[in-house]
Structure formats: structure tokens, C-alpha cells
Amino acid sequence: MKICIIGSGYVGLVSGACFAEVGHDVICVDNNQGKVDMLKAGKIPIYEPGLEDLVHRNVSAKKLQFTTSTEDAVDKSEVVFIAVPTPPQPDGSVDLSYIEKVAREIAVVLKPGQYRVIVDKSTVPVRTGEKVADTIRRYNKGGADFDVVSNPEFLREGCAVPDLMKPDRIVIGGNSERAIAAMQKIYEPFMAPVLVTDINSAELIKHAANSFLALKISYINAVAQICEASGADVEKVADGIGMDRRIGRNFLNAGIGYGGSCFPKDIAAFIAISDDLGVPFTLLKEVQRINATQRERFLAKIREALWVLKEKKIAVWGLTFKPDTDDVRSSVAVDVVRDLLAEGAIVTVYDPKGMEKATEYKLVEGAILANSPLEAAEGAEALIVATEWKEFAAVNFEELKERMHTPLIFDGRNLLDPVIARSFGFTYTSIGRA
């Protein structure tokens, strides 16, 4: 099918490349001329394993194109995906101005006699589809024929390509059999279970799913606090819980809290949505509180060991919110660095992929950027593991100890083996483990 995707950010670019890979003709639209020029030149603005090869292959095959022209893309496409940002507002609600702007742009370029399926791919509050349809009808003067569909994405950064190519499920929310048939045709090559719902249910599924996953993380972090107080091992507790097939082991990893561009935003949005509907979701407010508390408790452990942080040299491994991505948005690792700098510590940081973005966004100004994990640890009085990159797990403990001034490790992701670390003479502190 002929598809256009308005918004060539993380979701739009990955979706476009994967749609092209299975045989569709895709035009990705972005209003940033610099980004479009970069993509046309074969440069990928984000790091995501497997994405660069996918883009290059499909651009070469002329299955994937990039443009700044919404009019041209909509005119050449049967299905129009909206994949623009939906950032949080100060009160936690969602800023829908980008969605509204794109809806107006689509309305203006839709022509009489054309039928188009308009798809909300961005994560949006329930009832947004109704607003998109109303906006298009209001600004389209020719009575164009269209339907609006909700098709939430479930991509995990770091494994987004396999997530889209082999999804757990595909959710299609719509009230038109014609539009649903078009969406089923798009997803037919992916060979995945398809759930067809009304639009409102589809929109709620994404917020509800992400909030539940964040709840699992906060739950195991609360359990980790009990493990520390009782001498239990949170890893063994999580294994025992996760062996129950009704629960599962995923997202039961204790640490310094969740971050990233989705969980904090989506939980705040779901709380705001629930409040607007008159059904306060107080459980999610506790999820937020536990998440914030984890970082505070972790920093308290560091203060207890070092007493005063001012002028102490501390190494931090990791800036991205998770491994296998360069995304530093709402990263707990970045927050830790900022906390240390605020207390006057001398902070050296290393991340395999995130330092360029952190510098570009001026997130860790004042920190010293190192070229390797061992360089970051040179002369350090403490080492903090803030992101669970595999590279950090493969560290040579003997060389690490030689580089550091004091052999103190604070593992905020339970990445390293406590027994091995202590066997090399390190004082090792993690989350919920003795």
C-alpha cells in the first residue's frame, strides 16, 4: 500500500522503515529540512540497532522516501499516519498542539473525491481521535472522504525494529469497516495477532499498558527496600515472583527507577486523563512517588559512604535511560549526574552512545566526558553504574581497582556480580541485595 507518515522522529522513522521493509511504499514527512536532508543523505539522527541498514536498504530500493511536503505525501498515499511528539505539560497533561496542527494541515490538502485513512500513531489521550476527526471536518472545505483510526505503537527503544517486525499484538481502533480493512492489509505481512476495537479503547490501551509496566518496576523497587531492611536478595525474590506465569519476570528488575521518553510522560498523562474523567488514579501517584524515592535512597547511600560529596571525584557509567539507545530524555542516569554536580562533586561520565545527545541538549554541563569506562574511573573515589550497558558488565575488575582512588562501587542497576566485585577488594553496594 501507499503510506505516508507525518513525523520522522523515533516512532515515525522506525515505523516507516519497517513498513517499507515488508513491501509498502512509504513517504516520511518532517517539517525539519535539516533532518530530511540528513535522512536523504543516508544519515540516521537516532541510534537504534538495525535501523540504519533498514533505512539504507529501502531508500536504495525506492520503497522509502523523505520530504517536507505534507501536501505531496498525503496526495500520493492511501493511509496517513500521524507520528508527531505529544510532550507533557507542567501539570502532566499532554500537549496536543502538534497533533492539532497536523490535523489542520491534512484537512487543507485533502481533495474532494479522495478517500484517506488518518491514523493516530502518537501516544494520545482517550478521545483524541474524535478531536482529530472534528478538526479535519472543520478545516476541510471540500467535504473530503476520510476515517480516523487509532493504532498505538508498542516499541521499546533498543529493540524497536524487532518489536515492529515481530510484534506481540497489533491494536487497531476504528469505527469504519473500510478503514479497518485498510489497516489489516498494511499489517498482514507482520503475521501477528490483531485486536480490533473502538477508537477510545485503542487509545486507552497504550497508556494503560505503559502504566502497568511502570507499576511492576515501582513494585519491585518497593520490595527491594524491604529486602535491604531484612537481608533478603531482591534478585532471588524477583526470580521467584517471575516464575509465576501470571506475573512473568520482565520489568521486575530493581534499580534507581524508570525513566525515558515514555513511562514518566505516559503515567503523568494517565493520571491527568483519569482526573479529567472524574476517576482519580491514586495508585499511579504512588508509582510516581516510589520511583522518585529510589533515586533519593540511592544518593543517600553514596553520601553515607563518602560523607561530603563536595570536591569528591565520582565516576558515573551511563547517561542513557536504558542500554542500546542514545536517548537521554528523562534519564535517571542524567538526574544522578545533575544531583552530584549540584552538591559540588567532580563528576566524570562515560556512555557508549549517549554523550553526544547529552552534550547537544546541555544536560550534564559541568561533568567531564571520558572516552572509556576506565578513563572515567581514573582517580575516582566512587563509581556509580547508572545504565546497564553490557560493556560495563565486562569490566576488568583488577584494572578498574588500579585506576580508582578508592574501591567503592554503587551499582544502581544490579548489573555487576557482588561476589566477584568483592573478591577483588571492592566495597560494593547495589539495590536490594546484601
Protein backbone atom coordinates (compact mmCIF):
# COMPACT_ATOMS: atom_id res chain seq x y z
CA MET A 1 0.00 0.00 0.00
CA LYS A 2 0.97 3.65 -0.31
CA ILE A 3 1.61 5.13 3.11
CA CYS A 4 2.81 8.45 4.45
CA ILE A 5 3.99 9.08 7.99
CA ILE A 6 3.93 12.64 9.25
CA GLY A 7 6.70 13.00 11.81
CA SER A 8 10.09 11.36 11.23
CA GLY A 9 11.13 11.05 14.84
CA TYR A 10 11.68 7.83 16.72
CA VAL A 11 8.27 6.24 16.10
CA GLY A 12 7.78 7.63 12.61
CA LEU A 13 11.19 6.68 11.25
CA VAL A 14 11.22 3.15 12.68
CA SER A 15 7.63 2.53 11.54
CA GLY A 16 8.33 3.89 8.07
CA ALA A 17 11.44 1.77 7.60
CA CYS A 18 9.68 -1.39 8.77
CA PHE A 19 6.59 -0.76 6.62
CA ALA A 20 8.88 -0.31 3.62
CA GLU A 21 10.77 -3.49 4.51
CA VAL A 22 7.61 -5.60 4.13
CA GLY A 23 6.78 -4.09 0.73
CA HIS A 24 4.77 -0.92 1.26
CA ASP A 25 5.66 2.38 -0.45
CA VAL A 26 6.40 4.86 2.33
CA ILE A 27 6.90 8.62 2.40
CA CYS A 28 8.14 10.04 5.72
CA VAL A 29 7.35 13.70 6.28
CA ASP A 30 9.11 16.09 8.62
CA ASN A 31 8.99 19.88 8.88
CA ASN A 32 12.69 19.98 9.76
CA GLN A 33 14.50 20.48 6.45
CA GLY A 34 17.84 19.67 8.07
CA LYS A 35 16.58 16.30 9.29
CA VAL A 36 15.09 15.47 5.89
CA ASP A 37 18.36 16.37 4.17
CA MET A 38 20.24 14.22 6.68
CA LEU A 39 17.96 11.23 6.05
CA LYS A 40 18.21 11.66 2.28
CA ALA A 41 21.99 11.63 2.66
CA GLY A 42 21.78 8.32 4.50
CA LYS A 43 22.49 9.67 7.99
CA ILE A 44 20.28 8.47 10.85
CA PRO A 45 19.56 11.03 13.60
CA ILE A 46 18.97 8.39 16.29
CA TYR A 47 20.78 5.24 17.36
CA GLU A 48 18.65 2.12 17.17
CA PRO A 49 20.14 -1.33 16.43
CA GLY A 50 19.32 -2.47 12.89
CA LEU A 51 17.62 0.78 11.83
CA GLU A 52 20.41 2.23 9.72
CA ASP A 53 20.66 -0.86 7.49
CA LEU A 54 16.87 -0.96 7.15
CA VAL A 55 16.69 2.68 6.06
CA HIS A 56 19.58 2.40 3.59
CA ARG A 57 18.19 -0.76 2.02
CA ASN A 58 14.72 0.63 1.47
CA VAL A 59 15.85 4.05 0.29
CA SER A 60 18.01 2.27 -2.30
CA ALA A 61 15.01 0.15 -3.31
CA LYS A 62 12.92 3.35 -3.62
CA LYS A 63 10.42 1.99 -1.10
CA LEU A 64 11.22 4.74 1.43
CA GLN A 65 11.33 8.47 0.73
CA PHE A 66 11.66 11.64 2.81
CA THR A 67 10.08 15.05 2.24
CA THR A 68 8.94 18.24 3.95
CA SER A 69 5.77 18.44 1.84
CA THR A 70 2.67 17.20 3.66
CA GLU A 71 0.55 18.01 0.61
CA ASP A 72 2.63 15.87 -1.75
CA ALA A 73 2.80 12.95 0.70
CA VAL A 74 -0.92 12.94 1.51
CA ASP A 75 -1.81 13.23 -2.17
CA LYS A 76 0.27 10.14 -3.03
CA SER A 77 -0.84 7.98 -0.10
CA GLU A 78 -3.85 5.87 0.83
CA VAL A 79 -3.13 5.86 4.56
CA VAL A 80 -1.73 8.80 6.54
CA PHE A 81 -0.07 8.11 9.89
CA ILE A 82 0.36 10.91 12.44
CA ALA A 83 3.53 10.28 14.46
CA VAL A 84 4.40 13.68 15.90
CA PRO A 85 5.50 14.42 19.50
CA THR A 86 2.97 14.60 22.34
CA PRO A 87 5.11 16.17 25.08
CA PRO A 88 3.97 16.60 28.68
CA GLN A 89 2.75 19.91 30.03
CA PRO A 90 3.69 21.19 33.51
CA ASP A 91 0.55 19.67 35.05
CA GLY A 92 1.23 16.25 33.49
CA SER A 93 -1.42 16.53 30.79
CA VAL A 94 -0.47 16.03 27.14
CA ASP A 95 0.38 18.87 24.77
CA LEU A 96 -1.71 18.05 21.70
CA SER A 97 -0.78 21.14 19.71
CA TYR A 98 1.38 19.15 17.27
CA ILE A 99 -1.45 16.69 16.65
CA GLU A 100 -3.93 19.53 16.10
CA LYS A 101 -1.54 21.34 13.74
CA VAL A 102 -1.01 18.21 11.61
CA ALA A 103 -4.78 17.55 11.54
CA ARG A 104 -5.29 21.06 10.14
CA GLU A 105 -2.52 20.56 7.57
CA ILE A 106 -4.09 17.29 6.44
CA ALA A 107 -7.51 18.93 6.25
CA VAL A 108 -6.24 21.70 3.99
CA VAL A 109 -4.61 19.32 1.47
CA LEU A 110 -7.33 16.63 1.31
CA LYS A 111 -9.08 16.80 -2.04
CA PRO A 112 -12.69 16.00 -2.96
CA GLY A 113 -13.06 12.50 -4.35
CA GLN A 114 -10.09 11.19 -2.35
CA TYR A 115 -10.55 8.69 0.46
CA ARG A 116 -7.87 8.65 3.13
CA VAL A 117 -7.42 6.74 6.37
CA ILE A 118 -5.93 9.03 9.02
CA VAL A 119 -4.11 7.11 11.72
CA ASP A 120 -3.14 8.34 15.18
CA LYS A 121 0.19 6.58 15.82
CA SER A 122 1.35 9.01 18.50
CA THR A 123 0.52 8.23 22.11
CA VAL A 124 -2.53 10.37 22.80
CA PRO A 125 -5.22 10.71 25.48
CA VAL A 126 -8.52 8.91 25.02
CA ARG A 127 -10.96 10.81 22.75
CA THR A 128 -8.17 12.41 20.72
CA GLY A 129 -9.37 10.58 17.61
CA GLU A 130 -12.71 12.35 17.92
CA LYS A 131 -10.93 15.71 18.09
CA VAL A 132 -8.78 14.88 15.04
CA ALA A 133 -11.88 13.98 13.02
CA ASP A 134 -13.66 17.17 14.13
CA THR A 135 -10.63 19.28 13.19
CA ILE A 136 -10.31 17.77 9.73
CA ARG A 137 -14.02 18.29 9.04
CA ARG A 138 -13.80 21.88 10.27
CA TYR A 139 -10.81 22.89 8.13
CA ASN A 140 -11.53 20.86 5.01
CA LYS A 141 -13.76 22.87 2.70
CA GLY A 142 -14.27 20.24 0.03
CA GLY A 143 -16.07 17.56 2.02
CA ALA A 144 -13.22 15.05 1.65
CA ASP A 145 -13.93 11.41 2.48
CA PHE A 146 -11.83 10.10 5.37
CA ASP A 147 -11.85 7.95 8.50
CA VAL A 148 -9.76 8.29 11.65
CA VAL A 149 -8.17 5.23 13.21
CA SER A 150 -6.11 4.69 16.38
CA ASN A 151 -3.07 2.42 16.03
CA PRO A 152 -0.88 2.78 19.13
CA GLU A 153 2.78 1.82 18.97
CA PHE A 154 4.46 -0.54 21.42
CA LEU A 155 8.10 -0.02 20.51
CA ARG A 156 10.84 -0.42 23.08
CA GLU A 157 13.93 1.67 22.45
CA GLY A 158 16.92 -0.55 21.89
CA CYS A 159 14.85 -3.27 20.22
CA ALA A 160 12.31 -1.24 18.25
CA VAL A 161 12.97 -2.90 14.89
CA PRO A 162 12.26 -6.48 16.08
CA ASP A 163 9.35 -5.14 18.15
CA LEU A 164 7.72 -3.77 15.00
CA MET A 165 8.71 -6.62 12.67
CA LYS A 166 7.55 -9.31 15.13
CA PRO A 167 5.02 -7.61 17.41
CA ASP A 168 3.19 -9.23 20.32
CA ARG A 169 -0.01 -7.69 19.05
CA ILE A 170 -1.37 -5.04 16.71
CA VAL A 171 -4.16 -2.82 18.00
CA ILE A 172 -6.49 -1.15 15.52
CA GLY A 173 -9.20 1.12 16.85
CA GLY A 174 -11.82 2.30 14.38
CA ASN A 175 -15.49 2.59 13.60
CA SER A 176 -15.29 2.07 9.84
CA GLU A 177 -15.00 -1.38 8.26
CA ARG A 178 -13.36 0.22 5.24
CA ALA A 179 -10.65 1.84 7.33
CA ILE A 180 -10.08 -1.28 9.43
CA ALA A 181 -9.71 -3.36 6.26
CA ALA A 182 -7.03 -0.95 5.01
CA MET A 183 -5.14 -1.23 8.31
CA GLN A 184 -5.37 -5.02 8.30
CA LYS A 185 -3.90 -5.03 4.79
CA ILE A 186 -0.96 -2.91 5.98
CA TYR A 187 -0.21 -5.28 8.84
CA GLU A 188 -0.91 -8.55 7.02
CA PRO A 189 2.82 -9.21 6.31
CA PHE A 190 3.69 -9.00 10.01
CA MET A 191 1.88 -12.21 10.94
CA ALA A 192 0.83 -11.02 14.41
CA PRO A 193 -2.41 -11.18 16.43
CA VAL A 194 -4.67 -8.23 15.57
CA LEU A 195 -7.05 -6.73 18.12
CA VAL A 196 -9.79 -4.60 16.56
CA THR A 197 -11.52 -2.23 18.96
CA ASP A 198 -13.31 1.09 19.05
CA ILE A 199 -11.05 4.17 18.89
CA ASN A 200 -11.38 5.10 22.56
CA SER A 201 -10.38 1.64 23.77
CA ALA A 202 -7.35 1.59 21.48
CA GLU A 203 -6.19 4.96 22.79
CA LEU A 204 -6.52 3.78 26.40
CA ILE A 205 -4.59 0.56 25.79
CA LYS A 206 -1.23 2.32 25.32
CA HIS A 207 -1.46 4.45 28.47
CA ALA A 208 -2.78 1.52 30.49
CA ALA A 209 -0.03 -0.83 29.27
CA ASN A 210 2.87 1.53 29.96
CA SER A 211 1.45 2.46 33.35
CA PHE A 212 1.18 -1.21 34.31
CA LEU A 213 4.80 -1.87 33.32
CA ALA A 214 5.94 1.13 35.37
CA LEU A 215 3.86 -0.21 38.25
CA LYS A 216 5.82 -3.50 38.09
CA ILE A 217 9.10 -1.58 38.28
CA SER A 218 7.97 0.51 41.24
CA TYR A 219 6.59 -2.61 42.92
CA ILE A 220 9.89 -4.48 42.77
CA ASN A 221 11.72 -1.33 43.92
CA ALA A 222 9.44 -1.16 46.95
CA VAL A 223 10.17 -4.85 47.58
CA ALA A 224 13.89 -4.07 47.25
CA GLN A 225 13.60 -1.65 50.16
CA ILE A 226 12.12 -4.45 52.27
CA CYS A 227 14.90 -6.79 51.11
CA GLU A 228 17.55 -4.33 52.27
CA ALA A 229 15.88 -3.99 55.66
CA SER A 230 15.56 -7.77 56.10
CA GLY A 231 18.74 -9.08 54.48
CA ALA A 232 16.89 -10.78 51.63
CA ASP A 233 18.06 -10.71 47.98
CA VAL A 234 15.71 -8.88 45.63
CA GLU A 235 17.09 -10.75 42.60
CA LYS A 236 16.08 -14.10 44.08
CA VAL A 237 12.73 -12.68 45.19
CA ALA A 238 12.10 -11.35 41.67
CA ASP A 239 13.05 -14.73 40.17
CA GLY A 240 10.57 -16.46 42.46
CA ILE A 241 7.81 -14.00 41.61
CA GLY A 242 8.59 -14.08 37.91
CA MET A 243 8.36 -17.86 37.67
CA ASP A 244 4.63 -17.47 38.15
CA ARG A 245 3.32 -17.38 34.57
CA ARG A 246 0.57 -15.00 35.59
CA ILE A 247 3.22 -12.42 36.52
CA GLY A 248 6.38 -13.02 34.45
CA ARG A 249 9.95 -11.91 35.14
CA ASN A 250 10.08 -8.92 32.76
CA PHE A 251 10.13 -5.47 34.39
CA LEU A 252 10.88 -6.95 37.81
CA ASN A 253 14.40 -5.52 37.88
CA ALA A 254 15.18 -3.39 40.92
CA GLY A 255 17.20 -0.25 40.34
CA ILE A 256 17.26 3.51 40.68
CA GLY A 257 13.95 3.89 38.87
CA TYR A 258 12.43 4.08 35.42
CA GLY A 259 12.95 7.00 33.05
CA GLY A 260 12.93 7.70 29.33
CA SER A 261 10.58 9.42 26.97
CA CYS A 262 7.56 7.16 27.60
CA PHE A 263 6.96 5.92 31.15
CA PRO A 264 7.21 9.22 33.08
CA LYS A 265 5.18 11.05 30.43
CA ASP A 266 2.55 8.37 29.96
CA ILE A 267 1.96 7.84 33.68
CA ALA A 268 1.57 11.58 34.26
CA ALA A 269 -0.79 11.73 31.28
CA PHE A 270 -2.88 8.78 32.51
CA ILE A 271 -3.21 10.44 35.92
CA ALA A 272 -4.33 13.68 34.24
CA ILE A 273 -6.74 11.82 31.95
CA SER A 274 -8.27 10.00 34.91
CA ASP A 275 -8.61 13.24 36.88
CA ASP A 276 -10.34 14.90 33.91
CA LEU A 277 -12.78 11.99 33.73
CA GLY A 278 -13.51 12.29 37.45
CA VAL A 279 -11.89 8.94 38.32
CA PRO A 280 -8.62 9.79 40.17
CA PHE A 281 -5.97 7.10 39.65
CA THR A 282 -4.26 7.35 43.05
CA LEU A 283 -2.35 4.08 42.58
CA LEU A 284 -0.30 5.67 39.78
CA LYS A 285 0.58 8.61 42.02
CA GLU A 286 2.15 6.12 44.42
CA VAL A 287 4.05 4.57 41.48
CA GLN A 288 5.49 8.02 40.76
CA ARG A 289 6.39 8.56 44.43
CA ILE A 290 8.22 5.23 44.75
CA ASN A 291 10.13 5.92 41.55
CA ALA A 292 11.34 9.30 42.82
CA THR A 293 12.22 7.81 46.21
CA GLN A 294 14.53 5.20 44.66
CA ARG A 295 16.98 7.80 43.38
CA GLU A 296 16.88 9.69 46.70
CA ARG A 297 17.63 6.48 48.65
CA PHE A 298 20.49 5.63 46.28
CA LEU A 299 22.10 9.04 46.69
CA ALA A 300 21.73 8.73 50.47
CA LYS A 301 23.87 5.54 50.34
CA ILE A 302 26.58 7.43 48.47
CA ARG A 303 26.51 10.30 50.96
CA GLU A 304 26.70 7.86 53.84
CA ALA A 305 29.86 6.29 52.41
CA LEU A 306 31.61 9.49 51.26
CA TRP A 307 30.20 11.80 53.97
CA VAL A 308 30.66 15.06 51.99
CA LEU A 309 30.27 14.96 48.19
CA LYS A 310 31.76 18.39 47.55
CA GLU A 311 35.07 18.09 45.62
CA LYS A 312 34.86 14.29 45.66
CA LYS A 313 35.71 12.74 42.28
CA ILE A 314 32.91 10.38 41.28
CA ALA A 315 32.69 8.35 38.08
CA VAL A 316 29.32 7.62 36.51
CA TRP A 317 28.88 4.88 33.94
CA GLY A 318 25.82 5.56 31.79
CA LEU A 319 23.74 8.52 30.66
CA THR A 320 21.01 6.95 28.55
CA PHE A 321 17.81 5.85 30.28
CA LYS A 322 18.45 2.26 29.15
CA PRO A 323 21.09 0.41 27.10
CA ASP A 324 21.15 0.06 23.29
CA THR A 325 19.85 3.57 22.66
CA ASP A 326 21.23 7.10 22.55
CA ASP A 327 18.10 8.53 24.21
CA VAL A 328 18.90 10.63 27.26
CA ARG A 329 15.44 12.18 27.65
CA SER A 330 14.13 11.95 31.24
CA SER A 331 17.05 9.65 32.07
CA VAL A 332 17.55 8.79 35.73
CA ALA A 333 21.28 8.49 34.98
CA VAL A 334 21.33 12.13 33.88
CA ASP A 335 19.41 13.08 37.03
CA VAL A 336 22.03 11.33 39.17
CA VAL A 337 24.84 13.26 37.46
CA ARG A 338 22.99 16.53 38.00
CA ASP A 339 22.39 15.71 41.66
CA LEU A 340 26.10 15.04 42.19
CA LEU A 341 27.13 18.22 40.40
CA ALA A 342 24.63 20.22 42.47
CA GLU A 343 26.40 19.01 45.63
CA GLY A 344 29.79 20.08 44.29
CA ALA A 345 31.16 16.70 43.24
CA ILE A 346 33.68 16.38 40.42
CA VAL A 347 31.87 14.04 38.04
CA THR A 348 33.39 12.10 35.15
CA VAL A 349 30.95 10.26 32.89
CA TYR A 350 31.05 7.73 30.11
CA ASP A 351 28.26 6.30 27.95
CA PRO A 352 28.76 4.28 24.73
CA LYS A 353 26.06 6.16 22.79
CA GLY A 354 24.53 8.92 24.90
CA MET A 355 27.25 11.54 25.36
CA GLU A 356 26.68 13.33 22.07
CA LYS A 357 22.97 13.85 22.76
CA ALA A 358 23.63 14.80 26.39
CA THR A 359 26.10 17.44 25.19
CA GLU A 360 23.78 18.64 22.42
CA TYR A 361 20.92 19.13 24.89
CA LYS A 362 23.27 20.58 27.56
CA LEU A 363 22.06 18.03 30.12
CA VAL A 364 25.26 17.45 32.08
CA GLU A 365 27.13 20.72 31.85
CA GLY A 366 29.97 20.73 34.33
CA ALA A 367 30.64 16.99 34.06
CA ILE A 368 33.84 15.70 32.48
CA LEU A 369 33.25 13.41 29.50
CA ALA A 370 35.56 10.39 29.29
CA ASN A 371 36.45 8.21 26.30
CA SER A 372 36.08 4.88 28.08
CA PRO A 373 34.75 3.38 31.32
CA LEU A 374 38.25 3.01 32.75
CA GLU A 375 39.19 6.58 31.83
CA ALA A 376 36.09 7.81 33.65
CA ALA A 377 37.13 5.82 36.73
CA GLU A 378 40.68 7.23 36.82
CA GLY A 379 41.31 8.60 40.31
CA ALA A 380 37.65 8.28 41.31
CA GLU A 381 36.66 7.93 44.95
CA ALA A 382 33.47 6.13 43.92
CA LEU A 383 31.97 4.56 40.81
CA ILE A 384 28.26 4.64 40.02
CA VAL A 385 26.67 2.26 37.50
CA ALA A 386 23.66 4.19 36.22
CA THR A 387 22.82 2.38 32.95
CA GLU A 388 23.12 -1.38 32.41
CA TRP A 389 25.25 -1.45 29.24
CA LYS A 390 26.83 -4.87 28.56
CA GLU A 391 30.17 -3.13 28.11
CA PHE A 392 30.15 -2.24 31.80
CA ALA A 393 29.42 -5.82 32.87
CA ALA A 394 32.57 -6.95 31.04
CA VAL A 395 34.85 -4.66 33.05
CA ASN A 396 38.27 -5.88 34.15
CA PHE A 397 37.94 -5.53 37.92
CA GLU A 398 41.66 -5.73 38.55
CA GLU A 399 42.43 -2.84 36.20
CA LEU A 400 39.42 -0.91 37.49
CA LYS A 401 40.69 -1.12 41.06
CA GLU A 402 44.13 0.07 39.99
CA ARG A 403 42.59 3.10 38.27
CA MET A 404 40.34 4.16 41.15
CA HIS A 405 41.48 6.11 44.19
CA THR A 406 39.02 4.26 46.46
CA PRO A 407 37.44 0.90 45.51
CA LEU A 408 33.79 1.89 46.06
CA ILE A 409 31.09 0.78 43.61
CA PHE A 410 27.45 1.84 43.80
CA ASP A 411 25.53 -0.29 41.30
CA GLY A 412 22.21 1.38 40.57
CA ARG A 413 21.19 -1.30 38.09
CA ASN A 414 22.34 -4.51 39.83
CA LEU A 415 24.47 -5.15 36.76
CA LEU A 416 27.67 -6.45 38.35
CA ASP A 417 28.22 -9.65 40.32
CA PRO A 418 28.60 -8.75 44.02
CA VAL A 419 30.71 -11.81 44.79
CA ILE A 420 33.20 -11.11 42.00
CA ALA A 421 33.38 -7.39 42.78
CA ARG A 422 34.07 -8.04 46.47
CA SER A 423 36.63 -10.74 45.66
CA PHE A 424 38.74 -8.01 44.03
CA GLY A 425 38.53 -5.88 47.16
CA PHE A 426 35.70 -3.55 46.19
CA THR A 427 33.16 -2.25 48.66
CA TYR A 428 30.09 -2.99 46.57
CA THR A 429 26.60 -1.58 47.14
CA SER A 430 23.58 -2.35 44.96
CA ILE A 431 19.78 -2.26 45.17
CA GLY A 432 18.03 -4.78 47.44
CA ARG A 433 20.99 -7.15 47.61
CA ALA A 434 23.19 -7.86 50.62
